[in-house]
Amino acid sequence: MSKVLIIEDRRENIVFIANNILKPLGYDVVTARDGKIGLAKALEDKPDLIITDLKLPKMGGLEVLAELRKQGISIPTIVMTFHGSETTAREALRLGARDYLIKPFTVEELHEALDRALNAPVSSGSNDSETQAKVAQLEKKLAAVQAVLVEREKQLNQMKTYVTTSLKRSQMNQASQQAEAWEKDNARLNEVLAETKERMTKAEGRASDLEEVMESQKVQMNKYRQEAMRVADELRNLSEAVRLMSQNLAHQVERLGMLTAQEEEEKL
């Protein structure tokens, strides 16, 4: 059973490669989460294949390859890298890597890389013509992949532009509809304000008329009050005159009584 060493710091990537690709094909899987442990396991377990990320804690993938090469150990290796790190992947090929994968990759792409890495003839020496040819071939493939990625990025930018333009148009339509709704609401509000103003004007007119009536009634009431005061004064004067007349009449009656009594006495 072939043994494959996976050097990758992300656990989910290890699980994906091991459980979905390598184990179903019958490979025995060894894993490491950083470059130093990966190098130690490569030296100790002597795997048939190494799958390593280039960016690793403690020791990068290029350093692992360089150390293996320094110790004269040739193990078929597939390197993994992200788009934008193709220069680093090219350096890995010069250090003896058999193939490379640009993340994210598919199951089929890893199957093809496994087949190329395990079935390609092993060459020795950095100046070997077959090695140089392999590097040139892989660099050609890398250039083709880069061209595809550039084209995909161009299409993605076009799609982003289309989506942005569509979104702007949609936002403009929504803004136009909102503005139209606001305009209708504003017109209705103006109508309500005009109607309210008209009602207030009429109410102010009625209030003015009512105020005039009240003022007129106030003047009339003042006249009535003055007339009542005059009548009251006349009544008081009349009452006083009646009182005086009553007193005078009483005096006259009293005097008349006295005269009558005197006349009666004189007759006796």
C-alpha atoms as a PDB file:
ATOM      1  CA  MET A   1       0.000   0.000   0.000  1.00  0.00           C
ATOM      2  CA  SER A   2       1.438   3.375  -1.056  1.00  0.00           C
ATOM      3  CA  LYS A   3       1.960   5.918   1.698  1.00  0.00           C
ATOM      4  CA  VAL A   4       1.193   9.609   1.202  1.00  0.00           C
ATOM      5  CA  LEU A   5       2.369  12.377   3.546  1.00  0.00           C
ATOM      6  CA  ILE A   6       0.129  15.463   3.669  1.00  0.00           C
ATOM      7  CA  ILE A   7       1.793  18.624   5.060  1.00  0.00           C
ATOM      8  CA  GLU A   8      -0.937  21.218   5.538  1.00  0.00           C
ATOM      9  CA  ASP A   9      -1.737  23.562   8.448  1.00  0.00           C
ATOM     10  CA  ARG A  10      -5.501  23.687   7.813  1.00  0.00           C
ATOM     11  CA  ARG A  11      -7.253  20.652   9.268  1.00  0.00           C
ATOM     12  CA  GLU A  12     -10.274  20.883   6.931  1.00  0.00           C
ATOM     13  CA  ASN A  13      -7.962  20.636   3.890  1.00  0.00           C
ATOM     14  CA  ILE A  14      -6.257  17.544   5.349  1.00  0.00           C
ATOM     15  CA  VAL A  15      -9.645  15.903   6.001  1.00  0.00           C
ATOM     16  CA  PHE A  16     -10.849  16.695   2.485  1.00  0.00           C
ATOM     17  CA  ILE A  17      -7.764  15.298   0.748  1.00  0.00           C
ATOM     18  CA  ALA A  18      -7.438  12.240   2.992  1.00  0.00           C
ATOM     19  CA  ASN A  19     -11.085  11.161   3.290  1.00  0.00           C
ATOM     20  CA  ASN A  20     -12.402  12.143  -0.141  1.00  0.00           C
ATOM     21  CA  ILE A  21      -9.436  11.316  -2.387  1.00  0.00           C
ATOM     22  CA  LEU A  22      -6.544   9.315  -0.951  1.00  0.00           C
ATOM     23  CA  LYS A  23      -8.195   6.764   1.351  1.00  0.00           C
ATOM     24  CA  PRO A  24     -10.902   5.783  -1.184  1.00  0.00           C
ATOM     25  CA  LEU A  25      -8.017   5.027  -3.608  1.00  0.00           C
ATOM     26  CA  GLY A  26      -6.321   2.792  -1.016  1.00  0.00           C
ATOM     27  CA  TYR A  27      -3.511   5.087   0.062  1.00  0.00           C
ATOM     28  CA  ASP A  28      -2.110   5.016   3.590  1.00  0.00           C
ATOM     29  CA  VAL A  29      -2.164   8.644   4.860  1.00  0.00           C
ATOM     30  CA  VAL A  30       0.307  10.377   7.204  1.00  0.00           C
ATOM     31  CA  THR A  31      -0.254  14.011   8.164  1.00  0.00           C
ATOM     32  CA  ALA A  32       1.685  16.968   9.563  1.00  0.00           C
ATOM     33  CA  ARG A  33       0.456  20.454  10.517  1.00  0.00           C
ATOM     34  CA  ASP A  34       3.753  22.364  10.039  1.00  0.00           C
ATOM     35  CA  GLY A  35       6.901  22.165   7.925  1.00  0.00           C
ATOM     36  CA  LYS A  36       9.287  20.912  10.628  1.00  0.00           C
ATOM     37  CA  ILE A  37       7.073  17.980  11.595  1.00  0.00           C
ATOM     38  CA  GLY A  38       6.467  17.289   7.908  1.00  0.00           C
ATOM     39  CA  LEU A  39      10.218  17.114   7.212  1.00  0.00           C
ATOM     40  CA  ALA A  40      10.746  14.807  10.192  1.00  0.00           C
ATOM     41  CA  LYS A  41       7.987  12.444   9.047  1.00  0.00           C
ATOM     42  CA  ALA A  42       9.315  12.497   5.492  1.00  0.00           C
ATOM     43  CA  LEU A  43      12.764  11.449   6.748  1.00  0.00           C
ATOM     44  CA  GLU A  44      11.353   8.852   9.146  1.00  0.00           C
ATOM     45  CA  ASP A  45       8.417   7.295   7.235  1.00  0.00           C
ATOM     46  CA  LYS A  46       9.887   7.546   3.706  1.00  0.00           C
ATOM     47  CA  PRO A  47       6.459   8.080   2.060  1.00  0.00           C
ATOM     48  CA  ASP A  48       5.851   7.254  -1.603  1.00  0.00           C
ATOM     49  CA  LEU A  49       4.409  10.730  -2.196  1.00  0.00           C
ATOM     50  CA  ILE A  50       4.319  14.100  -0.433  1.00  0.00           C
ATOM     51  CA  ILE A  51       1.492  16.606  -0.844  1.00  0.00           C
ATOM     52  CA  THR A  52       2.531  19.885   0.769  1.00  0.00           C
ATOM     53  CA  ASP A  53       1.352  23.442   0.979  1.00  0.00           C
ATOM     54  CA  LEU A  54       4.024  26.043   0.254  1.00  0.00           C
ATOM     55  CA  LYS A  55       3.015  28.385   3.079  1.00  0.00           C
ATOM     56  CA  LEU A  56       3.430  26.525   6.395  1.00  0.00           C
ATOM     57  CA  PRO A  57       4.223  27.354  10.033  1.00  0.00           C
ATOM     58  CA  LYS A  58       7.811  26.967  11.282  1.00  0.00           C
ATOM     59  CA  MET A  59       9.180  25.784   7.894  1.00  0.00           C
ATOM     60  CA  GLY A  60       7.757  26.529   4.453  1.00  0.00           C
ATOM     61  CA  GLY A  61       7.182  23.980   1.721  1.00  0.00           C
ATOM     62  CA  LEU A  62      10.176  25.238  -0.301  1.00  0.00           C
ATOM     63  CA  GLU A  63      12.426  24.764   2.725  1.00  0.00           C
ATOM     64  CA  VAL A  64      11.162  21.182   3.154  1.00  0.00           C
ATOM     65  CA  LEU A  65      11.940  20.423  -0.507  1.00  0.00           C
ATOM     66  CA  ALA A  66      15.359  22.087  -0.264  1.00  0.00           C
ATOM     67  CA  GLU A  67      16.267  20.086   2.863  1.00  0.00           C
ATOM     68  CA  LEU A  68      15.176  16.790   1.282  1.00  0.00           C
ATOM     69  CA  ARG A  69      17.201  17.617  -1.816  1.00  0.00           C
ATOM     70  CA  LYS A  70      20.179  18.567   0.361  1.00  0.00           C
ATOM     71  CA  GLN A  71      20.043  15.135   2.035  1.00  0.00           C
ATOM     72  CA  GLY A  72      19.787  13.404  -1.324  1.00  0.00           C
ATOM     73  CA  ILE A  73      16.225  12.159  -0.752  1.00  0.00           C
ATOM     74  CA  SER A  74      13.995  12.177  -3.813  1.00  0.00           C
ATOM     75  CA  ILE A  75      10.310  11.740  -3.001  1.00  0.00           C
ATOM     76  CA  PRO A  76       7.635  12.632  -5.595  1.00  0.00           C
ATOM     77  CA  THR A  77       5.996  15.806  -4.373  1.00  0.00           C
ATOM     78  CA  ILE A  78       2.880  17.754  -5.273  1.00  0.00           C
ATOM     79  CA  VAL A  79       2.877  21.328  -4.042  1.00  0.00           C
ATOM     80  CA  MET A  80      -0.261  23.355  -3.334  1.00  0.00           C
ATOM     81  CA  THR A  81      -0.434  27.131  -3.706  1.00  0.00           C
ATOM     82  CA  PHE A  82      -2.925  29.924  -4.104  1.00  0.00           C
ATOM     83  CA  HIS A  83      -3.455  31.944  -7.264  1.00  0.00           C
ATOM     84  CA  GLY A  84      -0.878  34.715  -7.289  1.00  0.00           C
ATOM     85  CA  SER A  85       1.947  32.495  -5.933  1.00  0.00           C
ATOM     86  CA  GLU A  86       2.877  30.914  -9.271  1.00  0.00           C
ATOM     87  CA  THR A  87       6.461  32.188  -9.047  1.00  0.00           C
ATOM     88  CA  THR A  88       6.909  30.281  -5.801  1.00  0.00           C
ATOM     89  CA  ALA A  89       5.370  27.181  -7.410  1.00  0.00           C
ATOM     90  CA  ARG A  90       7.869  27.467 -10.263  1.00  0.00           C
ATOM     91  CA  GLU A  91      10.719  27.525  -7.737  1.00  0.00           C
ATOM     92  CA  ALA A  92       9.258  24.368  -6.156  1.00  0.00           C
ATOM     93  CA  LEU A  93       9.401  22.648  -9.558  1.00  0.00           C
ATOM     94  CA  ARG A  94      13.091  23.547  -9.833  1.00  0.00           C
ATOM     95  CA  LEU A  95      13.629  21.937  -6.421  1.00  0.00           C
ATOM     96  CA  GLY A  96      12.198  18.656  -7.690  1.00  0.00           C
ATOM     97  CA  ALA A  97       8.448  18.887  -7.179  1.00  0.00           C
ATOM     98  CA  ARG A  98       6.571  16.705  -9.689  1.00  0.00           C
ATOM     99  CA  ASP A  99       3.417  18.813  -9.976  1.00  0.00           C
ATOM    100  CA  TYR A 100       1.476  21.643  -8.413  1.00  0.00           C
ATOM    101  CA  LEU A 101      -2.146  22.491  -7.666  1.00  0.00           C
ATOM    102  CA  ILE A 102      -3.656  25.961  -7.404  1.00  0.00           C
ATOM    103  CA  LYS A 103      -6.196  26.268  -4.596  1.00  0.00           C
ATOM    104  CA  PRO A 104      -9.063  25.693  -4.637  1.00  0.00           C
ATOM    105  CA  PHE A 105      -8.726  22.554  -6.754  1.00  0.00           C
ATOM    106  CA  THR A 106     -11.162  19.791  -7.640  1.00  0.00           C
ATOM    107  CA  VAL A 107     -11.020  16.072  -6.896  1.00  0.00           C
ATOM    108  CA  GLU A 108     -10.361  15.380 -10.573  1.00  0.00           C
ATOM    109  CA  GLU A 109      -7.426  17.813 -10.634  1.00  0.00           C
ATOM    110  CA  LEU A 110      -5.821  16.051  -7.666  1.00  0.00           C
ATOM    111  CA  HIS A 111      -6.376  12.630  -9.288  1.00  0.00           C
ATOM    112  CA  GLU A 112      -4.554  13.817 -12.399  1.00  0.00           C
ATOM    113  CA  ALA A 113      -1.724  15.293 -10.316  1.00  0.00           C
ATOM    114  CA  LEU A 114      -1.384  11.999  -8.400  1.00  0.00           C
ATOM    115  CA  ASP A 115      -1.147  10.074 -11.652  1.00  0.00           C
ATOM    116  CA  ARG A 116       1.496  12.407 -13.069  1.00  0.00           C
ATOM    117  CA  ALA A 117       3.534  12.483  -9.852  1.00  0.00           C
ATOM    118  CA  LEU A 118       3.548   8.704  -9.237  1.00  0.00           C
ATOM    119  CA  ASN A 119       3.923   7.552 -12.834  1.00  0.00           C
ATOM    120  CA  ALA A 120       6.487  10.056 -14.095  1.00  0.00           C
ATOM    121  CA  PRO A 121      10.101   8.762 -14.226  1.00  0.00           C
ATOM    122  CA  VAL A 122      12.386   9.965 -11.408  1.00  0.00           C
ATOM    123  CA  SER A 123      15.411  11.952 -12.542  1.00  0.00           C
ATOM    124  CA  SER A 124      18.528  12.852 -10.576  1.00  0.00           C
ATOM    125  CA  GLY A 125      20.565  16.063 -10.522  1.00  0.00           C
ATOM    126  CA  SER A 126      19.401  19.610 -11.066  1.00  0.00           C
ATOM    127  CA  ASN A 127      21.133  19.774 -14.465  1.00  0.00           C
ATOM    128  CA  ASP A 128      19.583  16.581 -15.833  1.00  0.00           C
ATOM    129  CA  SER A 129      18.054  17.218 -19.272  1.00  0.00           C
ATOM    130  CA  GLU A 130      14.874  15.298 -18.459  1.00  0.00           C
ATOM    131  CA  THR A 131      14.428  17.354 -15.298  1.00  0.00           C
ATOM    132  CA  GLN A 132      14.851  20.569 -17.235  1.00  0.00           C
ATOM    133  CA  ALA A 133      12.399  19.346 -19.832  1.00  0.00           C
ATOM    134  CA  LYS A 134       9.906  18.455 -17.114  1.00  0.00           C
ATOM    135  CA  VAL A 135      10.300  21.887 -15.535  1.00  0.00           C
ATOM    136  CA  ALA A 136       9.848  23.540 -18.914  1.00  0.00           C
ATOM    137  CA  GLN A 137       6.770  21.414 -19.583  1.00  0.00           C
ATOM    138  CA  LEU A 138       5.287  22.274 -16.201  1.00  0.00           C
ATOM    139  CA  GLU A 139       6.135  25.952 -16.643  1.00  0.00           C
ATOM    140  CA  LYS A 140       4.339  25.850 -19.993  1.00  0.00           C
ATOM    141  CA  LYS A 141       1.347  24.292 -18.299  1.00  0.00           C
ATOM    142  CA  LEU A 142       1.582  26.906 -15.544  1.00  0.00           C
ATOM    143  CA  ALA A 143       1.566  29.678 -18.135  1.00  0.00           C
ATOM    144  CA  ALA A 144      -1.523  28.126 -19.734  1.00  0.00           C
ATOM    145  CA  VAL A 145      -3.223  27.922 -16.352  1.00  0.00           C
ATOM    146  CA  GLN A 146      -2.276  31.524 -15.656  1.00  0.00           C
ATOM    147  CA  ALA A 147      -3.808  32.547 -18.973  1.00  0.00           C
ATOM    148  CA  VAL A 148      -6.997  30.703 -18.066  1.00  0.00           C
ATOM    149  CA  LEU A 149      -7.017  32.378 -14.664  1.00  0.00           C
ATOM    150  CA  VAL A 150      -6.489  35.777 -16.251  1.00  0.00           C
ATOM    151  CA  GLU A 151      -9.378  35.106 -18.613  1.00  0.00           C
ATOM    152  CA  ARG A 152     -11.559  33.935 -15.721  1.00  0.00           C
ATOM    153  CA  GLU A 153     -10.614  37.029 -13.754  1.00  0.00           C
ATOM    154  CA  LYS A 154     -11.498  39.167 -16.757  1.00  0.00           C
ATOM    155  CA  GLN A 155     -14.866  37.416 -17.044  1.00  0.00           C
ATOM    156  CA  LEU A 156     -15.378  37.837 -13.303  1.00  0.00           C
ATOM    157  CA  ASN A 157     -14.641  41.556 -13.574  1.00  0.00           C
ATOM    158  CA  GLN A 158     -17.078  41.805 -16.478  1.00  0.00           C
ATOM    159  CA  MET A 159     -19.676  40.000 -14.411  1.00  0.00           C
ATOM    160  CA  LYS A 160     -18.990  42.319 -11.461  1.00  0.00           C
ATOM    161  CA  THR A 161     -19.364  45.326 -13.773  1.00  0.00           C
ATOM    162  CA  TYR A 162     -22.627  43.932 -15.132  1.00  0.00           C
ATOM    163  CA  VAL A 163     -23.957  43.213 -11.656  1.00  0.00           C
ATOM    164  CA  THR A 164     -22.867  46.642 -10.421  1.00  0.00           C
ATOM    165  CA  THR A 165     -24.483  48.348 -13.422  1.00  0.00           C
ATOM    166  CA  SER A 166     -27.679  46.321 -13.000  1.00  0.00           C
ATOM    167  CA  LEU A 167     -27.699  47.100  -9.306  1.00  0.00           C
ATOM    168  CA  LYS A 168     -27.230  50.803 -10.005  1.00  0.00           C
ATOM    169  CA  ARG A 169     -30.053  50.724 -12.557  1.00  0.00           C
ATOM    170  CA  SER A 170     -32.263  48.917 -10.072  1.00  0.00           C
ATOM    171  CA  GLN A 171     -31.352  51.434  -7.386  1.00  0.00           C
ATOM    172  CA  MET A 172     -32.039  54.294  -9.815  1.00  0.00           C
ATOM    173  CA  ASN A 173     -35.429  52.798 -10.689  1.00  0.00           C
ATOM    174  CA  GLN A 174     -36.236  52.384  -7.033  1.00  0.00           C
ATOM    175  CA  ALA A 175     -35.083  55.946  -6.361  1.00  0.00           C
ATOM    176  CA  SER A 176     -37.218  57.206  -9.259  1.00  0.00           C
ATOM    177  CA  GLN A 177     -40.261  55.324  -7.971  1.00  0.00           C
ATOM    178  CA  GLN A 178     -39.599  56.629  -4.474  1.00  0.00           C
ATOM    179  CA  ALA A 179     -39.227  60.171  -5.778  1.00  0.00           C
ATOM    180  CA  GLU A 180     -42.505  59.822  -7.691  1.00  0.00           C
ATOM    181  CA  ALA A 181     -44.231  58.541  -4.555  1.00  0.00           C
ATOM    182  CA  TRP A 182     -42.758  61.439  -2.564  1.00  0.00           C
ATOM    183  CA  GLU A 183     -43.948  63.882  -5.232  1.00  0.00           C
ATOM    184  CA  LYS A 184     -47.486  62.486  -5.015  1.00  0.00           C
ATOM    185  CA  ASP A 185     -47.393  62.638  -1.228  1.00  0.00           C
ATOM    186  CA  ASN A 186     -46.086  66.209  -1.408  1.00  0.00           C
ATOM    187  CA  ALA A 187     -48.883  67.222  -3.802  1.00  0.00           C
ATOM    188  CA  ARG A 188     -51.473  65.647  -1.511  1.00  0.00           C
ATOM    189  CA  LEU A 189     -49.899  67.401   1.478  1.00  0.00           C
ATOM    190  CA  ASN A 190     -50.047  70.732  -0.348  1.00  0.00           C
ATOM    191  CA  GLU A 191     -53.743  70.132  -1.061  1.00  0.00           C
ATOM    192  CA  VAL A 192     -54.390  69.359   2.589  1.00  0.00           C
ATOM    193  CA  LEU A 193     -52.419  72.444   3.652  1.00  0.00           C
ATOM    194  CA  ALA A 194     -54.348  74.649   1.209  1.00  0.00           C
ATOM    195  CA  GLU A 195     -57.665  73.247   2.416  1.00  0.00           C
ATOM    196  CA  THR A 196     -56.621  73.728   6.031  1.00  0.00           C
ATOM    197  CA  LYS A 197     -55.514  77.293   5.299  1.00  0.00           C
ATOM    198  CA  GLU A 198     -58.838  78.054   3.649  1.00  0.00           C
ATOM    199  CA  ARG A 199     -60.717  76.656   6.631  1.00  0.00           C
ATOM    200  CA  MET A 200     -58.560  78.661   8.995  1.00  0.00           C
ATOM    201  CA  THR A 201     -59.216  81.819   6.959  1.00  0.00           C
ATOM    202  CA  LYS A 202     -62.952  81.205   7.148  1.00  0.00           C
ATOM    203  CA  ALA A 203     -62.698  80.460  10.836  1.00  0.00           C
ATOM    204  CA  GLU A 204     -60.718  83.652  11.359  1.00  0.00           C
ATOM    205  CA  GLY A 205     -63.447  85.558   9.466  1.00  0.00           C
ATOM    206  CA  ARG A 206     -66.141  84.013  11.638  1.00  0.00           C
ATOM    207  CA  ALA A 207     -64.108  84.817  14.721  1.00  0.00           C
ATOM    208  CA  SER A 208     -63.744  88.407  13.536  1.00  0.00           C
ATOM    209  CA  ASP A 209     -67.500  88.693  12.958  1.00  0.00           C
ATOM    210  CA  LEU A 210     -68.167  87.142  16.329  1.00  0.00           C
ATOM    211  CA  GLU A 211     -65.741  89.547  17.921  1.00  0.00           C
ATOM    212  CA  GLU A 212     -67.560  92.499  16.307  1.00  0.00           C
ATOM    213  CA  VAL A 213     -70.910  91.178  17.553  1.00  0.00           C
ATOM    214  CA  MET A 214     -69.486  90.722  21.018  1.00  0.00           C
ATOM    215  CA  GLU A 215     -68.024  94.218  20.933  1.00  0.00           C
ATOM    216  CA  SER A 216     -71.376  95.613  19.826  1.00  0.00           C
ATOM    217  CA  GLN A 217     -73.123  93.687  22.584  1.00  0.00           C
ATOM    218  CA  LYS A 218     -70.558  94.988  25.018  1.00  0.00           C
ATOM    219  CA  VAL A 219     -71.301  98.587  23.983  1.00  0.00           C
ATOM    220  CA  GLN A 220     -75.023  97.904  24.256  1.00  0.00           C
ATOM    221  CA  MET A 221     -74.554  96.332  27.674  1.00  0.00           C
ATOM    222  CA  ASN A 222     -72.623  99.404  28.767  1.00  0.00           C
ATOM    223  CA  LYS A 223     -75.535 101.535  27.583  1.00  0.00           C
ATOM    224  CA  TYR A 224     -77.985  99.332  29.469  1.00  0.00           C
ATOM    225  CA  ARG A 225     -75.803  99.528  32.554  1.00  0.00           C
ATOM    226  CA  GLN A 226     -75.625 103.320  32.371  1.00  0.00           C
ATOM    227  CA  GLU A 227     -79.380 103.525  31.813  1.00  0.00           C
ATOM    228  CA  ALA A 228     -79.973 101.221  34.744  1.00  0.00           C
ATOM    229  CA  MET A 229     -77.720 103.360  36.918  1.00  0.00           C
ATOM    230  CA  ARG A 230     -79.611 106.486  35.796  1.00  0.00           C
ATOM    231  CA  VAL A 231     -82.963 104.885  36.554  1.00  0.00           C
ATOM    232  CA  ALA A 232     -81.658 103.714  39.898  1.00  0.00           C
ATOM    233  CA  ASP A 233     -80.527 107.236  40.684  1.00  0.00           C
ATOM    234  CA  GLU A 234     -83.941 108.585  39.692  1.00  0.00           C
ATOM    235  CA  LEU A 235     -85.611 105.946  41.839  1.00  0.00           C
ATOM    236  CA  ARG A 236     -83.415 106.900  44.767  1.00  0.00           C
ATOM    237  CA  ASN A 237     -84.255 110.577  44.228  1.00  0.00           C
ATOM    238  CA  LEU A 238     -87.945 109.777  43.913  1.00  0.00           C
ATOM    239  CA  SER A 239     -87.796 107.633  47.009  1.00  0.00           C
ATOM    240  CA  GLU A 240     -86.135 110.478  48.881  1.00  0.00           C
ATOM    241  CA  ALA A 241     -88.775 112.906  47.610  1.00  0.00           C
ATOM    242  CA  VAL A 242     -91.558 110.549  48.692  1.00  0.00           C
ATOM    243  CA  ARG A 243     -89.907 110.220  52.111  1.00  0.00           C
ATOM    244  CA  LEU A 244     -89.679 113.975  52.471  1.00  0.00           C
ATOM    245  CA  MET A 245     -93.257 114.383  51.316  1.00  0.00           C
ATOM    246  CA  SER A 246     -94.339 111.726  53.818  1.00  0.00           C
ATOM    247  CA  GLN A 247     -92.524 113.538  56.613  1.00  0.00           C
ATOM    248  CA  ASN A 248     -94.013 116.829  55.565  1.00  0.00           C
ATOM    249  CA  LEU A 249     -97.471 115.314  55.370  1.00  0.00           C
ATOM    250  CA  ALA A 250     -96.996 113.779  58.813  1.00  0.00           C
ATOM    251  CA  HIS A 251     -95.977 117.160  60.205  1.00  0.00           C
ATOM    252  CA  GLN A 252     -98.977 118.795  58.624  1.00  0.00           C
ATOM    253  CA  VAL A 253    -101.285 116.110  59.957  1.00  0.00           C
ATOM    254  CA  GLU A 254     -99.736 116.492  63.379  1.00  0.00           C
ATOM    255  CA  ARG A 255    -100.079 120.253  63.214  1.00  0.00           C
ATOM    256  CA  LEU A 256    -103.630 119.975  62.024  1.00  0.00           C
ATOM    257  CA  GLY A 257    -104.382 117.713  64.941  1.00  0.00           C
ATOM    258  CA  MET A 258    -102.892 120.180  67.354  1.00  0.00           C
ATOM    259  CA  LEU A 259    -104.951 123.036  65.911  1.00  0.00           C
ATOM    260  CA  THR A 260    -108.092 121.023  66.134  1.00  0.00           C
ATOM    261  CA  ALA A 261    -107.448 120.196  69.742  1.00  0.00           C
ATOM    262  CA  GLN A 262    -106.780 123.844  70.538  1.00  0.00           C
ATOM    263  CA  GLU A 263    -110.007 124.888  68.898  1.00  0.00           C
ATOM    264  CA  GLU A 264    -111.878 122.307  70.933  1.00  0.00           C
ATOM    265  CA  GLU A 265    -110.356 123.630  74.128  1.00  0.00           C
ATOM    266  CA  GLU A 266    -111.279 127.181  73.203  1.00  0.00           C
ATOM    267  CA  LYS A 267    -114.901 126.183  72.674  1.00  0.00           C
ATOM    268  CA  LEU A 268    -115.054 124.757  76.173  1.00  0.00           C
END
